[in-house]
């Protein structure tokens, strides 16, 4: 049985594996990013978000948007992850110039 709102599996679902869920208070996230960006500016430093710590690409984009000029790229877990984020359309992944630079199995 599908563990969803109804008793049948949604169209296109292959199995009933548990999906990850995250709840984020965006006001608090924004306030924290603004505070970190302000401290970085006071010390003439820049921030690089570790994508291993923030797994949602949309949150990574939001952090960069809110942090403004104090945010500089991403610290990626691997080249494959950098490739995937770039392939998904992220403009904050500065490791790879375009998605043709490396394939998913390539190593730098």
C-alpha atoms as a PDB file:
ATOM      1  CA  UNK A   1       0.000   0.000   0.000  1.00  0.00           C
ATOM      2  CA  UNK A   2       1.201   3.504  -0.826  1.00  0.00           C
ATOM      3  CA  UNK A   3       1.749   5.673   2.273  1.00  0.00           C
ATOM      4  CA  UNK A   4       0.385   8.816   0.711  1.00  0.00           C
ATOM      5  CA  UNK A   5      -2.746  10.883   0.994  1.00  0.00           C
ATOM      6  CA  UNK A   6      -4.808   8.170  -0.671  1.00  0.00           C
ATOM      7  CA  UNK A   7      -4.684   4.410  -0.750  1.00  0.00           C
ATOM      8  CA  UNK A   8      -3.284   4.080  -4.264  1.00  0.00           C
ATOM      9  CA  UNK A   9       0.194   4.806  -5.510  1.00  0.00           C
ATOM     10  CA  UNK A  10       0.554   8.169  -7.330  1.00  0.00           C
ATOM     11  CA  UNK A  11       0.988   7.907 -11.080  1.00  0.00           C
ATOM     12  CA  UNK A  12       4.660   7.586 -12.000  1.00  0.00           C
ATOM     13  CA  UNK A  13       5.795   6.390  -8.548  1.00  0.00           C
ATOM     14  CA  UNK A  14       7.917   3.255  -8.824  1.00  0.00           C
ATOM     15  CA  UNK A  15       7.905   2.243  -5.178  1.00  0.00           C
ATOM     16  CA  UNK A  16       6.873   3.537  -1.789  1.00  0.00           C
ATOM     17  CA  UNK A  17      10.350   4.324  -0.514  1.00  0.00           C
ATOM     18  CA  UNK A  18      10.397   7.002   2.130  1.00  0.00           C
ATOM     19  CA  UNK A  19      11.271  10.380   0.654  1.00  0.00           C
ATOM     20  CA  UNK A  20      13.425  12.923   2.428  1.00  0.00           C
ATOM     21  CA  UNK A  21      11.607  15.863   3.914  1.00  0.00           C
ATOM     22  CA  UNK A  22      13.030  19.092   5.231  1.00  0.00           C
ATOM     23  CA  UNK A  23      11.219  21.931   6.938  1.00  0.00           C
ATOM     24  CA  UNK A  24      13.042  25.256   6.900  1.00  0.00           C
ATOM     25  CA  UNK A  25      11.975  28.506   8.508  1.00  0.00           C
ATOM     26  CA  UNK A  26      13.047  30.781   5.664  1.00  0.00           C
ATOM     27  CA  UNK A  27      12.866  33.925   7.801  1.00  0.00           C
ATOM     28  CA  UNK A  28      15.357  32.447  10.268  1.00  0.00           C
ATOM     29  CA  UNK A  29      17.562  31.125   7.446  1.00  0.00           C
ATOM     30  CA  UNK A  30      17.619  34.572   5.821  1.00  0.00           C
ATOM     31  CA  UNK A  31      18.410  36.276   9.145  1.00  0.00           C
ATOM     32  CA  UNK A  32      21.313  33.884   9.770  1.00  0.00           C
ATOM     33  CA  UNK A  33      22.709  34.358   6.265  1.00  0.00           C
ATOM     34  CA  UNK A  34      22.416  38.149   6.574  1.00  0.00           C
ATOM     35  CA  UNK A  35      24.211  38.056   9.943  1.00  0.00           C
ATOM     36  CA  UNK A  36      27.044  35.889   8.602  1.00  0.00           C
ATOM     37  CA  UNK A  37      27.399  38.098   5.523  1.00  0.00           C
ATOM     38  CA  UNK A  38      27.538  41.197   7.742  1.00  0.00           C
ATOM     39  CA  UNK A  39      30.276  39.685   9.933  1.00  0.00           C
ATOM     40  CA  UNK A  40      32.220  38.612   6.835  1.00  0.00           C
ATOM     41  CA  UNK A  41      31.968  42.138   5.437  1.00  0.00           C
ATOM     42  CA  UNK A  42      33.183  43.655   8.717  1.00  0.00           C
ATOM     43  CA  UNK A  43      36.328  41.517   8.429  1.00  0.00           C
ATOM     44  CA  UNK A  44      36.670  41.876   4.648  1.00  0.00           C
ATOM     45  CA  UNK A  45      36.119  38.137   4.149  1.00  0.00           C
ATOM     46  CA  UNK A  46      33.987  36.037   1.832  1.00  0.00           C
ATOM     47  CA  UNK A  47      31.850  32.960   2.504  1.00  0.00           C
ATOM     48  CA  UNK A  48      31.649  29.693   0.595  1.00  0.00           C
ATOM     49  CA  UNK A  49      28.761  27.369   1.429  1.00  0.00           C
ATOM     50  CA  UNK A  50      29.550  23.663   1.827  1.00  0.00           C
ATOM     51  CA  UNK A  51      27.067  21.818  -0.377  1.00  0.00           C
ATOM     52  CA  UNK A  52      27.524  18.763   1.860  1.00  0.00           C
ATOM     53  CA  UNK A  53      25.810  20.704   4.652  1.00  0.00           C
ATOM     54  CA  UNK A  54      22.983  22.139   2.548  1.00  0.00           C
ATOM     55  CA  UNK A  55      21.645  19.395   0.296  1.00  0.00           C
ATOM     56  CA  UNK A  56      18.803  21.287  -1.406  1.00  0.00           C
ATOM     57  CA  UNK A  57      19.899  23.199  -4.529  1.00  0.00           C
ATOM     58  CA  UNK A  58      17.107  25.761  -4.106  1.00  0.00           C
ATOM     59  CA  UNK A  59      18.318  26.548  -0.578  1.00  0.00           C
ATOM     60  CA  UNK A  60      21.881  26.947  -1.874  1.00  0.00           C
ATOM     61  CA  UNK A  61      20.627  29.457  -4.443  1.00  0.00           C
ATOM     62  CA  UNK A  62      18.637  31.306  -1.783  1.00  0.00           C
ATOM     63  CA  UNK A  63      21.648  31.514   0.548  1.00  0.00           C
ATOM     64  CA  UNK A  64      23.710  33.028  -2.260  1.00  0.00           C
ATOM     65  CA  UNK A  65      20.954  35.466  -3.185  1.00  0.00           C
ATOM     66  CA  UNK A  66      20.440  36.632   0.421  1.00  0.00           C
ATOM     67  CA  UNK A  67      24.178  36.738   1.232  1.00  0.00           C
ATOM     68  CA  UNK A  68      24.884  38.865  -1.818  1.00  0.00           C
ATOM     69  CA  UNK A  69      28.440  39.841  -2.700  1.00  0.00           C
ATOM     70  CA  UNK A  70      29.909  38.094   0.374  1.00  0.00           C
ATOM     71  CA  UNK A  71      29.008  34.655  -1.026  1.00  0.00           C
ATOM     72  CA  UNK A  72      31.602  33.119  -3.340  1.00  0.00           C
ATOM     73  CA  UNK A  73      30.736  29.829  -5.016  1.00  0.00           C
ATOM     74  CA  UNK A  74      30.317  26.454  -3.357  1.00  0.00           C
ATOM     75  CA  UNK A  75      32.595  24.067  -1.555  1.00  0.00           C
ATOM     76  CA  UNK A  76      31.486  20.857  -3.264  1.00  0.00           C
ATOM     77  CA  UNK A  77      31.800  17.370  -1.845  1.00  0.00           C
ATOM     78  CA  UNK A  78      33.107  15.971  -5.144  1.00  0.00           C
ATOM     79  CA  UNK A  79      33.623  16.776  -8.809  1.00  0.00           C
ATOM     80  CA  UNK A  80      30.573  14.640  -9.568  1.00  0.00           C
ATOM     81  CA  UNK A  81      28.453  16.776  -7.254  1.00  0.00           C
ATOM     82  CA  UNK A  82      29.794  19.968  -8.826  1.00  0.00           C
ATOM     83  CA  UNK A  83      28.903  18.536 -12.242  1.00  0.00           C
ATOM     84  CA  UNK A  84      25.389  17.610 -11.075  1.00  0.00           C
ATOM     85  CA  UNK A  85      24.713  21.034  -9.568  1.00  0.00           C
ATOM     86  CA  UNK A  86      26.001  22.723 -12.712  1.00  0.00           C
ATOM     87  CA  UNK A  87      23.922  20.398 -14.867  1.00  0.00           C
ATOM     88  CA  UNK A  88      20.802  21.258 -12.848  1.00  0.00           C
ATOM     89  CA  UNK A  89      21.277  24.894 -13.826  1.00  0.00           C
ATOM     90  CA  UNK A  90      22.995  26.311 -10.769  1.00  0.00           C
ATOM     91  CA  UNK A  91      24.833  29.545 -11.476  1.00  0.00           C
ATOM     92  CA  UNK A  92      26.668  29.418  -8.147  1.00  0.00           C
ATOM     93  CA  UNK A  93      28.844  26.395  -8.897  1.00  0.00           C
ATOM     94  CA  UNK A  94      32.128  27.955  -9.930  1.00  0.00           C
ATOM     95  CA  UNK A  95      34.199  24.778 -10.162  1.00  0.00           C
ATOM     96  CA  UNK A  96      33.173  23.833 -13.681  1.00  0.00           C
ATOM     97  CA  UNK A  97      32.859  26.252 -16.596  1.00  0.00           C
ATOM     98  CA  UNK A  98      30.108  24.252 -18.286  1.00  0.00           C
ATOM     99  CA  UNK A  99      28.497  20.859 -18.160  1.00  0.00           C
ATOM    100  CA  UNK A 100      30.647  19.468 -20.967  1.00  0.00           C
ATOM    101  CA  UNK A 101      33.874  19.806 -18.978  1.00  0.00           C
ATOM    102  CA  UNK A 102      33.445  16.502 -17.110  1.00  0.00           C
ATOM    103  CA  UNK A 103      31.099  13.600 -17.366  1.00  0.00           C
ATOM    104  CA  UNK A 104      29.572  12.052 -14.239  1.00  0.00           C
ATOM    105  CA  UNK A 105      32.290   9.394 -14.024  1.00  0.00           C
ATOM    106  CA  UNK A 106      35.266  11.587 -14.908  1.00  0.00           C
ATOM    107  CA  UNK A 107      37.885  12.615 -12.393  1.00  0.00           C
ATOM    108  CA  UNK A 108      39.784  15.898 -12.334  1.00  0.00           C
END
